[in-house]
Protein backbone atom coordinates (compact mmCIF):
# COMPACT_ATOMS: atom_id res chain seq x y z
CA MET A 1 -14.26 273.66 61.52
CA LYS A 2 -12.66 272.50 64.48
CA MET A 3 -13.43 275.52 66.15
CA SER A 4 -17.21 275.12 65.26
CA ARG A 5 -17.49 271.73 66.60
CA VAL A 6 -15.82 272.72 69.95
CA TRP A 7 -18.40 275.41 69.97
CA CYS A 8 -21.06 273.07 69.36
CA VAL A 9 -19.88 270.62 72.04
CA VAL A 10 -19.74 273.63 74.63
CA VAL A 11 -22.84 274.95 73.66
CA SER A 12 -24.54 271.46 74.38
CA ALA A 13 -22.87 271.23 77.52
CA LEU A 14 -24.06 274.65 78.76
CA ALA A 15 -27.48 273.65 77.94
CA LEU A 16 -27.63 270.28 79.51
CA MET A 17 -26.24 272.22 82.71
CA MET A 18 -29.07 275.00 82.36
CA GLN A 19 -31.62 272.21 81.99
CA TRP A 20 -30.66 270.45 85.33
CA HIS A 21 -29.92 273.55 87.24
CA GLY A 22 -33.52 274.70 86.11
CA ALA A 23 -35.16 271.19 87.43
CA TRP A 24 -33.03 271.33 90.55
CA GLY A 25 -33.75 274.95 91.27
CA SER A 26 -37.42 274.40 91.18
CA TYR A 27 -37.41 272.24 94.24
CA ALA A 28 -36.14 275.50 96.34
CA GLY A 29 -39.64 276.84 96.34
CA THR A 30 -43.06 275.63 97.48
CA ALA A 31 -44.48 274.44 94.20
CA SER A 32 -42.93 271.02 94.65
CA ALA A 33 -45.60 270.46 97.62
CA ILE A 34 -48.68 271.11 95.65
CA ILE A 35 -51.10 268.41 95.85
CA ASP A 36 -53.60 267.65 92.68
CA PRO A 37 -56.59 265.89 94.31
CA SER A 38 -57.71 264.84 91.01
CA LYS A 39 -55.14 262.38 90.75
CA VAL A 40 -55.86 260.39 94.22
CA LYS A 41 -58.35 257.41 94.12
CA GLN A 42 -59.42 255.53 97.14
CA ILE A 43 -58.80 252.05 97.01
CA SER A 44 -60.10 250.79 100.17
CA TRP A 45 -61.81 252.38 103.57
CA LYS A 46 -61.01 249.38 105.67
CA PRO A 47 -57.68 250.34 105.84
CA ARG A 48 -57.95 253.74 104.65
CA ALA A 49 -55.70 253.33 101.65
CA PHE A 50 -55.12 255.52 98.50
CA VAL A 51 -53.12 255.97 95.02
CA TYR A 52 -51.82 259.02 93.77
CA LYS A 53 -51.23 258.64 89.82
CA GLY A 54 -48.08 260.27 88.96
CA PHE A 55 -46.78 261.54 92.55
CA LEU A 56 -43.23 261.58 91.51
CA THR A 57 -41.76 262.96 88.32
CA GLU A 58 -39.31 261.09 86.22
CA LEU A 59 -36.44 263.07 87.35
CA GLU A 60 -37.48 262.26 91.12
CA CYS A 61 -37.43 258.57 90.55
CA ASP A 62 -34.04 258.77 88.86
CA HIS A 63 -32.55 260.69 91.40
CA LEU A 64 -33.84 258.20 94.22
CA ILE A 65 -32.38 255.21 92.55
CA SER A 66 -29.01 256.81 91.61
CA ILE A 67 -28.44 257.85 95.41
CA ALA A 68 -29.28 254.51 96.55
CA LYS A 69 -27.34 252.09 94.25
CA SER A 70 -24.22 252.19 95.40
CA GLU A 71 -25.39 252.15 99.14
CA LEU A 72 -27.97 249.14 98.90
CA LYS A 73 -27.67 246.75 101.78
CA ARG A 74 -29.61 243.68 102.77
CA SER A 75 -33.31 244.55 104.25
CA ALA A 76 -33.94 243.95 108.05
CA VAL A 77 -36.85 243.31 110.01
CA ALA A 78 -37.75 244.59 113.90
CA ASP A 79 -37.89 241.76 116.17
CA ASN A 80 -41.45 241.50 117.97
CA LEU A 81 -40.18 241.02 121.29
CA SER A 82 -36.68 243.25 121.47
CA GLY A 83 -37.29 245.82 118.69
CA GLU A 84 -34.10 245.09 117.44
CA SER A 85 -33.27 244.75 113.76
CA LYS A 86 -32.45 241.32 112.42
CA LEU A 87 -32.32 239.77 109.18
CA SER A 88 -35.17 237.32 107.88
CA GLU A 89 -36.45 235.37 105.09
CA VAL A 90 -39.60 237.24 105.59
CA ARG A 91 -38.10 240.23 103.97
CA THR A 92 -35.60 239.60 101.37
CA SER A 93 -35.05 243.01 99.34
CA SER A 94 -31.83 245.32 99.72
CA GLY A 95 -32.31 249.07 100.88
CA MET A 96 -30.79 252.17 102.20
CA PHE A 97 -32.01 255.45 103.86
CA ILE A 98 -31.85 258.99 102.55
CA SER A 99 -31.65 261.70 105.09
CA LYS A 100 -34.50 264.15 104.89
CA ASN A 101 -32.47 267.20 103.96
CA LYS A 102 -29.81 265.79 101.65
CA ASP A 103 -30.76 267.90 98.73
CA PRO A 104 -33.39 269.90 97.20
CA ILE A 105 -35.12 267.11 95.21
CA ILE A 106 -35.42 265.33 98.59
CA SER A 107 -36.64 267.91 100.53
CA GLY A 108 -39.17 268.69 97.67
CA ILE A 109 -40.39 265.16 97.95
CA GLU A 110 -40.71 265.34 101.78
CA ASP A 111 -42.64 268.80 101.40
CA ARG A 112 -45.06 266.90 99.09
CA ILE A 113 -45.59 263.91 101.26
CA SER A 114 -46.47 266.25 104.45
CA ALA A 115 -49.04 268.16 102.04
CA TRP A 116 -50.67 264.97 101.15
CA THR A 117 -50.95 263.36 104.35
CA PHE A 118 -51.50 266.65 106.62
CA LEU A 119 -48.77 264.97 108.98
CA PRO A 120 -45.68 267.17 109.92
CA LYS A 121 -42.22 266.41 108.41
CA GLU A 122 -40.81 265.81 111.62
CA ASN A 123 -42.86 262.83 112.37
CA GLY A 124 -41.41 260.89 109.28
CA GLU A 125 -38.41 258.68 109.31
CA ASP A 126 -35.83 259.18 106.35
CA ILE A 127 -36.94 257.68 103.11
CA GLN A 128 -36.18 253.93 102.60
CA VAL A 129 -35.30 253.11 99.08
CA LEU A 130 -35.71 249.61 98.25
CA ARG A 131 -34.57 247.28 95.38
CA TYR A 132 -36.59 244.01 95.07
CA GLU A 133 -34.81 241.47 92.41
CA HIS A 134 -36.39 238.31 90.92
CA GLY A 135 -38.00 236.26 93.68
CA GLN A 136 -37.53 238.64 96.22
CA LYS A 137 -40.83 239.69 98.22
CA TYR A 138 -41.88 240.86 101.95
CA ASP A 139 -44.21 238.57 103.36
CA PRO A 140 -47.62 240.10 105.20
CA HIS A 141 -46.74 242.14 107.89
CA TYR A 142 -47.96 245.33 109.99
CA ASP A 143 -46.00 248.81 109.85
CA TYR A 144 -47.01 249.72 113.50
CA PHE A 145 -44.62 248.21 116.12
CA SER A 146 -45.51 245.52 118.87
CA ASP A 147 -42.53 246.50 121.12
CA GLN A 148 -41.48 249.31 123.40
CA VAL A 149 -38.08 250.39 121.80
CA ASN A 150 -39.58 251.31 118.62
CA ILE A 151 -42.65 253.16 119.77
CA ALA A 152 -40.15 255.09 122.10
CA ARG A 153 -39.07 257.30 119.42
CA GLY A 154 -42.23 259.24 117.61
CA GLY A 155 -44.90 256.64 118.84
CA HIS A 156 -46.50 254.02 116.69
CA ARG A 157 -46.12 254.33 112.93
CA VAL A 158 -49.61 255.95 111.78
CA ALA A 159 -49.26 256.30 108.23
CA THR A 160 -47.00 254.85 105.28
CA VAL A 161 -46.38 256.66 101.58
CA LEU A 162 -45.00 253.99 99.48
CA MET A 163 -43.50 255.44 96.19
CA TYR A 164 -42.93 253.27 93.28
CA LEU A 165 -39.84 254.11 91.24
CA SER A 166 -40.06 251.46 88.46
CA ASP A 167 -42.52 249.60 86.67
CA VAL A 168 -42.65 245.81 87.16
CA THR A 169 -43.16 243.49 84.21
CA LYS A 170 -45.02 240.79 86.46
CA GLY A 171 -45.60 240.71 90.36
CA GLY A 172 -44.22 243.12 92.95
CA GLU A 173 -47.64 244.25 93.90
CA THR A 174 -48.74 245.49 97.34
CA VAL A 175 -51.22 243.49 98.46
CA PHE A 176 -53.55 243.89 101.71
CA PRO A 177 -55.05 240.36 102.39
CA ASN A 178 -57.72 241.56 104.88
CA ALA A 179 -59.08 244.75 103.33
CA GLU A 180 -62.33 245.59 102.44
CA GLU A 181 -62.52 246.94 98.82
CA SER A 182 -63.95 250.49 97.90
CA PRO A 183 -66.40 250.41 95.21
CA HIS A 184 -64.63 252.90 93.37
CA HIS A 185 -61.70 250.79 92.93
CA LYS A 186 -63.97 247.67 92.27
CA ASP A 187 -65.17 249.40 89.27
CA SER A 188 -62.10 250.26 87.79
CA GLU A 189 -59.72 247.45 88.55
CA THR A 190 -59.30 243.89 87.21
CA ASN A 191 -57.15 241.03 88.19
CA ASP A 192 -55.99 240.18 84.76
CA ASP A 193 -52.59 241.37 85.30
CA LEU A 194 -51.95 240.59 88.77
CA SER A 195 -49.93 237.75 90.27
CA GLU A 196 -51.41 234.78 92.24
CA CYS A 197 -50.07 236.42 95.23
CA ALA A 198 -51.70 239.59 94.64
CA GLN A 199 -55.34 238.11 93.85
CA LYS A 200 -55.33 237.38 97.44
CA GLY A 201 -56.50 240.68 98.62
CA ILE A 202 -56.81 244.09 97.11
CA ALA A 203 -53.58 245.02 95.22
CA VAL A 204 -51.77 247.78 93.65
CA LYS A 205 -49.62 247.28 90.80
CA PRO A 206 -46.44 249.09 90.79
CA LYS A 207 -46.51 251.78 88.21
CA ARG A 208 -43.28 254.14 88.19
CA GLY A 209 -44.15 257.54 89.67
CA ASP A 210 -47.10 256.38 91.59
CA ALA A 211 -47.78 256.60 95.44
CA LEU A 212 -49.72 254.35 97.77
CA LEU A 213 -50.87 255.90 101.21
CA PHE A 214 -52.21 253.95 103.86
CA PHE A 215 -52.87 253.99 107.33
CA SER A 216 -51.73 251.63 110.07
CA LEU A 217 -54.05 253.45 113.03
CA PHE A 218 -57.66 254.40 113.14
CA PRO A 219 -58.31 257.70 114.08
CA ASN A 220 -58.51 256.87 117.65
CA ALA A 221 -54.73 255.50 117.46
CA ILE A 222 -55.96 252.08 117.84
CA PRO A 223 -54.22 249.69 115.51
CA ASP A 224 -56.15 248.91 112.37
CA THR A 225 -55.54 245.24 111.68
CA LYS A 226 -56.68 245.21 108.27
CA SER A 227 -53.76 247.08 107.44
CA LEU A 228 -51.57 243.92 107.21
CA HIS A 229 -49.95 244.02 104.06
CA ALA A 230 -47.00 242.40 101.91
CA GLY A 231 -44.96 243.01 98.99
CA CYS A 232 -45.38 239.98 96.24
CA PRO A 233 -42.68 238.49 94.87
CA VAL A 234 -40.77 239.85 91.87
CA LEU A 235 -41.55 237.62 88.95
CA GLU A 236 -40.19 239.48 85.73
CA GLY A 237 -38.10 242.67 86.11
CA GLU A 238 -37.03 244.06 89.36
CA LYS A 239 -38.80 246.59 91.63
CA TRP A 240 -37.72 249.77 93.16
CA SER A 241 -39.74 251.81 95.54
CA ALA A 242 -39.36 254.39 98.33
CA THR A 243 -40.90 254.00 101.15
CA LYS A 244 -41.80 256.92 103.83
CA TRP A 245 -42.94 255.85 107.63
CA ILE A 246 -44.78 258.36 109.57
CA HIS A 247 -45.48 258.29 113.16
CA VAL A 248 -47.93 259.83 115.51
CA ASP A 249 -45.23 262.27 117.17
CA SER A 250 -42.08 263.69 116.03
CA PHE A 251 -39.39 260.93 115.13
CA ASP A 252 -36.55 264.06 115.33
CA THR A 253 -36.66 264.00 118.71
CA VAL A 254 -35.54 261.32 120.69
CA VAL A 255 -37.36 260.37 123.95
CA GLY A 256 -35.30 259.12 126.86
CA GLY A 257 -36.08 257.18 129.76
CA GLU A 258 -38.20 253.66 130.14
CA CYS A 259 -41.39 255.36 131.49
CA SER A 260 -42.61 258.69 129.81
CA ASP A 261 -45.27 260.38 128.04
CA HIS A 262 -45.29 260.77 124.15
CA ASN A 263 -47.76 263.59 123.99
CA GLU A 264 -47.60 267.18 126.05
CA ASN A 265 -51.22 266.93 126.64
CA CYS A 266 -51.19 263.69 128.87
CA GLU A 267 -50.85 264.97 132.17
CA LYS A 268 -54.31 267.10 131.46
CA TRP A 269 -55.81 264.29 129.64
CA ALA A 270 -54.91 261.94 132.88
CA ASN A 271 -56.53 264.33 135.10
CA LEU A 272 -59.84 264.44 133.13
CA GLY A 273 -59.74 260.65 133.52
CA GLU A 274 -58.79 259.33 130.02
CA CYS A 275 -56.62 256.78 131.74
CA THR A 276 -60.14 254.71 132.54
CA SER A 277 -62.30 256.15 129.70
CA ASN A 278 -59.73 255.73 126.66
CA PRO A 279 -56.88 252.86 127.98
CA GLU A 280 -56.09 251.73 124.52
CA TYR A 281 -54.69 255.21 123.70
CA MET A 282 -53.47 256.24 127.13
CA VAL A 283 -52.03 252.95 128.74
CA GLY A 284 -51.98 250.52 125.82
CA SER A 285 -51.51 246.83 126.21
CA PRO A 286 -48.51 244.67 126.72
CA GLY A 287 -48.03 243.95 123.39
CA LEU A 288 -48.61 247.91 122.31
CA PRO A 289 -47.87 250.52 125.25
CA GLY A 290 -49.99 253.44 125.37
CA TYR A 291 -48.56 257.35 124.77
CA CYS A 292 -49.26 258.56 128.21
CA MET A 293 -48.11 255.52 130.67
CA LYS A 294 -46.18 257.87 132.95
CA SER A 295 -49.15 260.30 133.66
CA CYS A 296 -51.52 257.36 133.87
CA LYS A 297 -49.09 255.89 136.44
CA ALA A 298 -48.90 252.57 134.19
CA CYS A 299 -44.90 252.00 134.30
């Protein structure tokens, strides 16, 4: 009788191990990068914003949270002038970063993000997992930078993928106060379940597994001011999310020097007169430096 019980325990343990190994091993191939367009819904065209229903699996959500739980630290913001990270009441969550190749599950998520956005993996920062407890929020802000320090590596942030790892009982929405609503979104969404904060613009309610993609720059690389967004205060429950910021160039390559180009074609474009015909991209402005300042002799 005792041997029978022991055998049952052993068999059960082996079954669990096989299930986990199967789930883990499935990320070794390219299947995790398959995108289903039927699950994507446009919520705004200004800014360009889309929601992917069920972008992450239950296992992936749990995995991201389990990695982050023991390493959370108070979230910081980038200073608009110096570019240095600092604590601020503008952002009161806690978070941590997960390296791109930490394990097969993380690599699979990275592949899927790249497939959905059509942007290279090397252009992305590490995934940041965030936890918002009761009352915590992130005031309206832009994801593109206003300082030269942060754009020296990869240029401006062009896109953001915000993945929701948990449901939130009330509050915690992502809201775009300046956005123009898509007719498709207007027909299918109501404000009945949204917090007062979320009703000040186009909002996305956190739903476990869903992902929000929005672009902070226009296709011509000029910042889109309608991409202003905020994380509404959590009113009931807690909110877990994972953010992937993606730059216009490789974030894995650190660009050295104060005066440099951020695109290999800068010299050719400068010779064609782009410094004067397209100054926003090539030269930039005092607040938002351009990508070809060296070739344009602007620094």
